[in-house]
Structures are given as structure tokens and as C-alpha cells.
N, C-alpha and C. Protein backbone atom coordinates (compact mmCIF):
# COMPACT_ATOMS: atom_id res chain seq x y z
N MET A 1 0.87 -1.16 -0.09
CA MET A 1 0.16 -0.03 0.20
C MET A 1 0.94 1.27 0.09
N ASN A 2 1.69 1.39 0.86
CA ASN A 2 2.63 2.83 0.92
C ASN A 2 4.04 2.28 -0.14
N PRO A 3 4.30 3.55 -1.00
CA PRO A 3 5.69 3.03 -1.21
C PRO A 3 7.07 2.72 -0.20
N GLU A 4 7.80 1.45 -0.92
CA GLU A 4 9.06 1.05 -0.04
C GLU A 4 9.96 2.18 -0.43
N GLU A 5 10.39 2.84 -1.25
CA GLU A 5 11.35 3.76 -1.62
C GLU A 5 11.12 5.22 -0.55
N LEU A 6 9.82 5.20 0.07
CA LEU A 6 9.83 6.49 0.75
C LEU A 6 9.84 6.25 2.21
N ARG A 7 9.91 7.51 3.33
CA ARG A 7 10.26 7.44 4.74
C ARG A 7 9.29 7.84 5.15
N TYR A 8 8.75 7.50 6.70
CA TYR A 8 7.34 8.18 6.94
C TYR A 8 7.41 8.63 8.32
N HIS A 9 6.94 9.63 8.70
CA HIS A 9 6.80 10.32 10.07
C HIS A 9 5.24 9.72 10.49
N LYS A 10 5.16 9.80 11.65
CA LYS A 10 4.03 9.24 12.29
C LYS A 10 2.73 10.09 12.19
N GLU A 11 2.95 11.11 11.82
CA GLU A 11 2.28 12.57 11.85
C GLU A 11 1.21 11.97 10.45
N HIS A 12 1.55 11.01 9.66
CA HIS A 12 0.98 10.70 8.38
C HIS A 12 1.76 11.34 7.26
N THR A 13 2.88 12.29 7.10
CA THR A 13 3.58 12.41 5.89
C THR A 13 4.67 11.31 5.79
N TRP A 14 4.97 11.63 4.49
CA TRP A 14 5.83 11.01 3.49
C TRP A 14 7.27 12.08 3.13
N VAL A 15 8.32 10.90 3.18
CA VAL A 15 9.52 11.86 2.54
C VAL A 15 9.95 11.10 1.17
N SER A 16 10.48 11.64 -0.14
CA SER A 16 11.31 11.25 -0.92
C SER A 16 12.35 12.14 -0.54
N ILE A 17 13.85 11.40 -0.52
CA ILE A 17 14.88 11.91 -0.32
C ILE A 17 15.40 11.69 -1.61
N SER A 18 15.94 12.70 -2.19
CA SER A 18 17.01 12.87 -3.08
C SER A 18 18.83 13.98 -2.43
N GLY A 19 19.60 13.52 -2.26
CA GLY A 19 20.51 14.36 -1.70
C GLY A 19 20.25 15.00 -0.58
N LYS A 20 20.13 16.57 -0.89
CA LYS A 20 19.69 17.26 0.73
C LYS A 20 18.31 17.73 0.81
N LYS A 21 17.72 17.30 -0.23
CA LYS A 21 16.29 17.50 -0.81
C LYS A 21 15.60 16.40 -0.23
N ALA A 22 14.38 16.87 0.47
CA ALA A 22 13.29 15.99 1.00
C ALA A 22 11.59 16.82 0.07
N THR A 23 11.25 16.00 -0.61
CA THR A 23 9.98 15.98 -1.20
C THR A 23 8.67 15.17 -0.25
N ILE A 24 7.63 16.35 -0.12
CA ILE A 24 6.77 15.81 1.38
C ILE A 24 5.45 16.08 1.04
N GLY A 25 5.13 14.88 1.74
CA GLY A 25 3.33 14.72 1.07
C GLY A 25 2.94 14.25 1.88
N ILE A 26 1.47 14.30 2.38
CA ILE A 26 0.57 13.52 3.09
C ILE A 26 0.09 11.72 3.04
N THR A 27 -0.10 11.04 3.47
CA THR A 27 0.22 9.21 3.23
C THR A 27 -1.51 9.14 2.37
N ASP A 28 -1.26 8.19 2.15
CA ASP A 28 -2.94 7.43 1.51
C ASP A 28 -3.87 7.72 2.89
N TYR A 29 -2.99 7.19 4.06
CA TYR A 29 -4.26 6.33 4.64
C TYR A 29 -4.25 8.17 5.55
N ALA A 30 -3.69 9.09 5.31
CA ALA A 30 -3.91 10.31 6.31
C ALA A 30 -4.90 10.72 4.86
N GLN A 31 -5.28 11.02 3.72
CA GLN A 31 -5.96 11.57 2.21
C GLN A 31 -7.30 10.93 3.03
N ASP A 32 -7.36 9.51 2.99
CA ASP A 32 -8.77 8.78 3.19
C ASP A 32 -8.92 9.06 4.43
N ALA A 33 -8.62 9.36 5.55
CA ALA A 33 -8.89 9.66 6.70
C ALA A 33 -9.80 11.45 6.24
N LEU A 34 -8.92 12.26 6.04
CA LEU A 34 -9.52 13.31 5.86
C LEU A 34 -10.49 13.63 5.32
N GLY A 35 -10.85 12.78 4.31
CA GLY A 35 -11.83 12.98 3.28
C GLY A 35 -11.48 13.67 1.94
N ASP A 36 -12.48 13.98 1.40
CA ASP A 36 -12.86 15.05 -0.07
C ASP A 36 -11.66 16.35 0.84
N ILE A 37 -10.53 16.86 -0.06
CA ILE A 37 -9.92 17.66 0.18
C ILE A 37 -10.65 19.06 -0.60
N VAL A 38 -10.75 20.01 0.23
CA VAL A 38 -11.51 21.33 -0.42
C VAL A 38 -10.42 22.66 -0.29
N TYR A 39 -9.46 22.58 0.50
CA TYR A 39 -8.19 23.20 0.48
C TYR A 39 -7.16 23.07 1.37
N ILE A 40 -5.58 23.50 0.62
CA ILE A 40 -4.69 23.54 1.36
C ILE A 40 -3.92 24.67 1.66
N ASP A 41 -3.54 24.98 2.62
CA ASP A 41 -2.54 26.39 2.99
C ASP A 41 -1.13 26.17 2.43
N ILE A 42 -0.66 26.46 1.27
CA ILE A 42 0.68 25.84 1.20
C ILE A 42 1.82 27.03 1.58
N PRO A 43 2.57 26.09 2.25
CA PRO A 43 3.52 26.68 2.45
C PRO A 43 4.60 27.95 1.88
N GLU A 44 5.26 28.65 2.39
CA GLU A 44 6.20 29.45 1.48
C GLU A 44 7.54 29.25 1.16
N VAL A 45 8.03 29.39 0.11
CA VAL A 45 9.01 29.41 -0.68
C VAL A 45 9.89 30.27 0.35
N ASP A 46 11.33 29.61 0.57
CA ASP A 46 11.96 30.45 1.16
C ASP A 46 11.74 30.39 3.22
N ALA A 47 10.29 29.51 3.26
CA ALA A 47 10.03 29.83 4.91
C ALA A 47 10.73 28.40 5.14
N GLU A 48 11.52 28.66 6.81
CA GLU A 48 11.84 27.34 7.74
C GLU A 48 10.79 26.81 8.23
N VAL A 49 10.96 25.49 8.08
CA VAL A 49 9.90 24.87 9.04
C VAL A 49 11.00 23.84 9.94
N GLU A 50 10.32 23.38 11.07
CA GLU A 50 10.75 22.38 12.25
C GLU A 50 10.50 21.05 12.10
N ALA A 51 11.09 19.80 11.98
CA ALA A 51 10.49 18.56 12.53
C ALA A 51 9.41 18.66 13.53
N ASN A 52 8.78 18.32 13.22
CA ASN A 52 7.48 17.44 14.08
C ASN A 52 6.81 19.07 14.46
N ALA A 53 6.88 19.81 13.82
CA ALA A 53 5.98 21.36 13.58
C ALA A 53 4.98 21.62 12.28
N GLU A 54 3.86 21.53 12.87
CA GLU A 54 2.99 22.62 11.17
C GLU A 54 3.94 22.97 10.52
N MET A 55 3.47 22.64 9.49
CA MET A 55 4.07 23.07 7.95
C MET A 55 2.89 23.63 7.08
N SER A 56 1.88 23.22 7.38
CA SER A 56 1.00 23.67 6.55
C SER A 56 -0.19 23.10 7.08
N GLU A 57 -1.39 23.79 6.71
CA GLU A 57 -3.11 22.81 6.96
C GLU A 57 -3.85 23.01 6.00
N ILE A 58 -4.63 21.43 6.18
CA ILE A 58 -5.30 20.74 5.05
C ILE A 58 -6.85 20.74 5.36
N GLU A 59 -7.41 21.39 4.44
CA GLU A 59 -8.96 21.39 5.09
C GLU A 59 -9.98 20.64 4.44
N SER A 60 -10.78 19.81 4.64
CA SER A 60 -11.20 18.85 3.89
C SER A 60 -12.75 18.81 4.46
N THR A 61 -13.92 17.98 3.95
CA THR A 61 -15.33 18.33 4.11
C THR A 61 -15.46 17.85 5.71
N LYS A 62 -14.54 16.67 5.82
CA LYS A 62 -14.78 16.63 7.60
C LYS A 62 -13.91 17.93 8.67
N ALA A 63 -12.69 18.13 8.30
CA ALA A 63 -11.90 18.56 9.84
C ALA A 63 -10.56 19.41 8.45
N THR A 64 -10.44 19.92 9.58
CA THR A 64 -9.24 21.02 8.92
C THR A 64 -7.89 19.85 9.78
N SER A 65 -7.25 19.96 9.37
CA SER A 65 -5.87 18.95 9.91
C SER A 65 -4.14 19.58 9.59
N SER A 66 -3.45 19.44 10.44
CA SER A 66 -2.29 20.42 10.39
C SER A 66 -1.34 19.26 9.42
N VAL A 67 -0.48 19.56 8.79
CA VAL A 67 0.37 19.25 7.82
C VAL A 67 1.76 19.20 9.00
N ILE A 68 2.19 17.93 9.42
CA ILE A 68 3.60 18.43 9.95
C ILE A 68 4.72 18.00 9.43
N ALA A 69 5.46 19.22 9.66
CA ALA A 69 6.93 18.32 8.83
C ALA A 69 7.25 17.39 9.24
N PRO A 70 8.20 16.13 8.58
CA PRO A 70 9.03 15.39 8.80
C PRO A 70 10.52 15.83 9.22
N LEU A 71 10.85 16.58 8.77
CA LEU A 71 12.20 16.98 8.93
C LEU A 71 12.55 18.69 8.98
N SER A 72 13.56 19.38 9.16
CA SER A 72 14.01 20.56 9.55
C SER A 72 14.41 20.85 8.19
N GLY A 73 13.86 22.32 7.48
CA GLY A 73 14.94 22.61 6.40
C GLY A 73 14.14 23.70 6.04
N THR A 74 14.37 24.53 4.95
CA THR A 74 14.08 25.30 4.39
C THR A 74 12.79 25.26 2.94
N ILE A 75 12.18 25.35 2.93
CA ILE A 75 11.29 25.18 1.78
C ILE A 75 11.61 25.93 0.81
N ILE A 76 11.48 25.14 -0.41
CA ILE A 76 12.42 25.40 -1.23
C ILE A 76 11.67 25.60 -3.14
N SER A 77 10.23 24.61 -3.09
CA SER A 77 9.55 24.45 -3.95
C SER A 77 8.05 24.19 -3.46
N VAL A 78 7.32 24.47 -4.17
CA VAL A 78 5.66 24.20 -3.47
C VAL A 78 5.02 24.06 -4.77
N ASN A 79 4.25 22.85 -4.32
CA ASN A 79 3.06 22.36 -5.72
C ASN A 79 2.04 23.32 -5.48
N GLU A 80 2.25 24.32 -6.13
CA GLU A 80 1.32 25.55 -6.86
C GLU A 80 -0.06 24.88 -7.32
N ASP A 81 0.15 23.31 -7.89
CA ASP A 81 -1.02 22.90 -8.88
C ASP A 81 -2.17 22.84 -7.69
N LEU A 82 -1.83 22.40 -6.23
CA LEU A 82 -2.82 22.26 -5.05
C LEU A 82 -3.22 23.91 -4.67
N GLU A 83 -2.97 24.74 -5.13
CA GLU A 83 -3.89 25.68 -4.91
C GLU A 83 -5.37 25.70 -5.77
N ASP A 84 -5.02 25.58 -7.00
CA ASP A 84 -6.44 25.33 -7.65
C ASP A 84 -7.20 24.09 -7.42
N SER A 85 -6.39 22.62 -7.35
CA SER A 85 -7.05 21.96 -7.35
C SER A 85 -6.38 20.60 -6.12
N PRO A 86 -7.12 20.98 -5.06
CA PRO A 86 -6.21 20.47 -3.63
C PRO A 86 -6.89 19.10 -3.53
N GLU A 87 -7.89 18.88 -4.46
CA GLU A 87 -8.02 16.95 -4.63
C GLU A 87 -7.14 16.37 -5.10
N ILE A 88 -6.04 17.26 -5.81
CA ILE A 88 -5.00 15.59 -6.61
C ILE A 88 -4.23 15.29 -5.63
N ILE A 89 -4.73 16.02 -4.25
CA ILE A 89 -3.46 14.74 -3.15
C ILE A 89 -4.26 13.53 -2.90
N ASN A 90 -5.81 13.67 -2.89
CA ASN A 90 -6.88 12.09 -2.50
C ASN A 90 -6.72 11.14 -3.76
N GLU A 91 -6.88 12.06 -5.33
CA GLU A 91 -5.91 11.40 -6.12
C GLU A 91 -4.86 10.13 -6.20
N ASP A 92 -3.75 11.44 -5.96
CA ASP A 92 -2.57 10.63 -6.25
C ASP A 92 -1.65 11.46 -4.88
N PRO A 93 -1.57 10.77 -4.06
CA PRO A 93 -0.97 11.45 -2.69
C PRO A 93 0.38 11.60 -3.00
N TYR A 94 0.82 9.94 -3.54
CA TYR A 94 2.44 9.68 -3.57
C TYR A 94 3.17 10.49 -4.64
N GLY A 95 2.41 11.17 -5.78
CA GLY A 95 2.95 11.39 -6.99
C GLY A 95 2.69 12.95 -7.31
N LYS A 96 1.60 13.08 -7.94
CA LYS A 96 1.26 14.81 -8.48
C LYS A 96 1.26 15.54 -6.96
N GLY A 97 0.46 14.62 -5.68
CA GLY A 97 -0.10 15.62 -4.47
C GLY A 97 0.90 15.93 -3.62
N TRP A 98 2.28 15.76 -3.98
CA TRP A 98 3.22 16.42 -3.53
C TRP A 98 2.94 17.88 -2.88
N ILE A 99 3.60 18.25 -1.68
CA ILE A 99 3.43 19.28 -1.01
C ILE A 99 3.89 20.42 -0.95
N ALA A 100 5.43 20.20 -0.46
CA ALA A 100 6.89 20.84 -0.73
C ALA A 100 7.84 20.11 -0.94
N VAL A 101 9.01 20.65 -1.34
CA VAL A 101 10.23 20.35 -1.56
C VAL A 101 10.88 21.10 -0.32
N ILE A 102 12.22 20.60 0.92
CA ILE A 102 12.86 21.39 1.12
C ILE A 102 14.16 20.92 1.41
N GLU A 103 14.93 21.82 1.54
CA GLU A 103 16.51 21.27 1.77
C GLU A 103 16.57 20.88 3.50
N ILE A 104 17.28 19.91 3.48
CA ILE A 104 17.35 19.43 4.58
C ILE A 104 18.20 20.29 5.46
N SER A 105 17.85 20.33 6.76
CA SER A 105 18.79 21.35 7.56
C SER A 105 19.68 20.56 8.68
N ASP A 106 19.38 19.03 8.73
CA ASP A 106 19.86 18.05 9.87
C ASP A 106 19.36 16.75 9.53
N GLU A 107 20.75 16.60 8.66
CA GLU A 107 19.94 15.28 8.05
C GLU A 107 19.74 13.86 9.09
N SER A 108 20.76 14.12 10.69
CA SER A 108 19.97 13.58 11.41
C SER A 108 19.09 12.82 11.70
N GLU A 109 18.00 14.06 11.46
CA GLU A 109 16.59 13.65 11.69
C GLU A 109 15.90 12.53 10.78
N LEU A 110 16.70 12.43 9.64
CA LEU A 110 16.44 11.09 8.94
C LEU A 110 16.16 9.60 9.87
N ASP A 111 16.60 9.81 11.04
CA ASP A 111 17.32 8.70 11.92
C ASP A 111 15.64 8.09 12.64
N ASP A 112 14.78 9.20 12.45
CA ASP A 112 13.55 9.64 13.34
C ASP A 112 12.30 9.06 12.19
N LEU A 113 12.55 8.99 10.93
CA LEU A 113 11.41 8.44 10.34
C LEU A 113 12.14 6.74 9.77
N ILE A 114 10.57 6.40 9.52
CA ILE A 114 10.37 4.87 9.23
C ILE A 114 10.24 4.54 8.02
N ASP A 115 10.06 3.32 7.96
CA ASP A 115 10.33 2.74 6.60
C ASP A 115 8.79 2.55 6.43
N ALA A 116 8.02 1.79 4.85
CA ALA A 116 7.20 1.71 4.71
C ALA A 116 6.75 0.46 5.78
N THR A 117 7.11 -0.73 6.44
CA THR A 117 6.79 -1.73 6.98
C THR A 117 6.28 -1.51 8.34
N ASP A 118 7.48 -0.72 8.81
CA ASP A 118 7.19 0.27 9.98
C ASP A 118 5.55 0.81 10.20
N TYR A 119 5.31 1.45 8.80
CA TYR A 119 4.45 2.85 9.25
C TYR A 119 2.98 1.57 9.08
N ASP A 120 3.23 1.28 8.05
CA ASP A 120 2.02 -0.21 8.21
C ASP A 120 1.18 -0.87 9.54
N LYS A 121 3.07 -1.20 10.28
CA LYS A 121 2.27 -1.71 11.78
C LYS A 121 2.12 -0.33 12.04
N PHE A 122 2.32 0.76 12.28
CA PHE A 122 1.86 1.85 12.94
C PHE A 122 0.07 1.65 12.49
N ILE A 123 -0.03 2.00 11.28
CA ILE A 123 -1.28 2.52 10.95
C ILE A 123 -2.49 1.35 11.60
N GLU A 124 -1.83 0.12 11.53
CA GLU A 124 -2.94 -0.75 11.69
C GLU A 124 -3.30 -0.99 13.48
N GLU A 125 -2.02 -0.13 14.65
CA GLU A 125 -1.79 -0.25 15.48
C GLU A 125 -2.93 1.11 15.99
N GLU A 126 -2.48 2.19 15.52
CA GLU A 126 -3.39 3.13 15.47
C GLU A 126 -5.11 2.98 15.28
N ALA A 127 -5.31 2.38 14.01
CA ALA A 127 -6.70 1.70 13.48
C ALA A 127 -7.34 1.00 14.57
N GLY A 128 -6.52 0.44 15.36
CA GLY A 128 -6.75 -0.61 16.43
C GLY A 128 -7.48 -1.51 16.84
């Protein structure tokens, strides 16, 4: 269900690492729990984000939810397509539904992320 090549944060964000850059989005589990996404507050380019702190907010027909940054760094790119079409996150959370790319400031934080197998176990326990 969750792509093996990605790393995961327990606040239901995924990370794709390429050198010192990390592409971030929310997991399929998160978008499914939210339901139909109607708005996303896209973070600003050049903004600093802290691991485990809010980097964005997503509104759905059910709730408003924080997107928690899995790593610290500087936002270098955002997915502007989400401004007009936030439902892309529902349709393709691991592809076109990415939210932001950050330049990682503390690579040791990568050790706090989990792999797909552990994330699958985590959401099973959470669903419980």
C-alpha cells in the first residue's frame, strides 16, 4: 500500500529523499481519513520549517488538519497546482499530490523516520 522507497513520519507525512532535498506529502492513509480535500494552505518558499511542527494546513469536508513537517529545513519549492486543485492529494497522494520540497538542515532527523513496513504496522495499531 505505501511505497517502499519512501520514509514516513508518524504524523502521516511521507518523504522522498534526493541528496539534501526532501519532497514531502501526506500519506494515502491521511488523505483517506480526511475525506474530500477542499483547501490546502501551501507553505511559503524560503520559509523555515521545524521537524514535528506544523508546516501547512489541509481542510476537507470533514475537518481541518495540520501537516506536520517530518524534517527541519528551508522550503525550496511548493506544489502550486494544489492551490486550484487540492483534490489532487486525494487522487495521487504519492505522486502529483506532493506538497513541498525542503532543503534538509539536519540530516540526523532522517533517523527518526520509519520505513513502509513499520508505517503499515503503526497505522494498523492506530486503527486498532
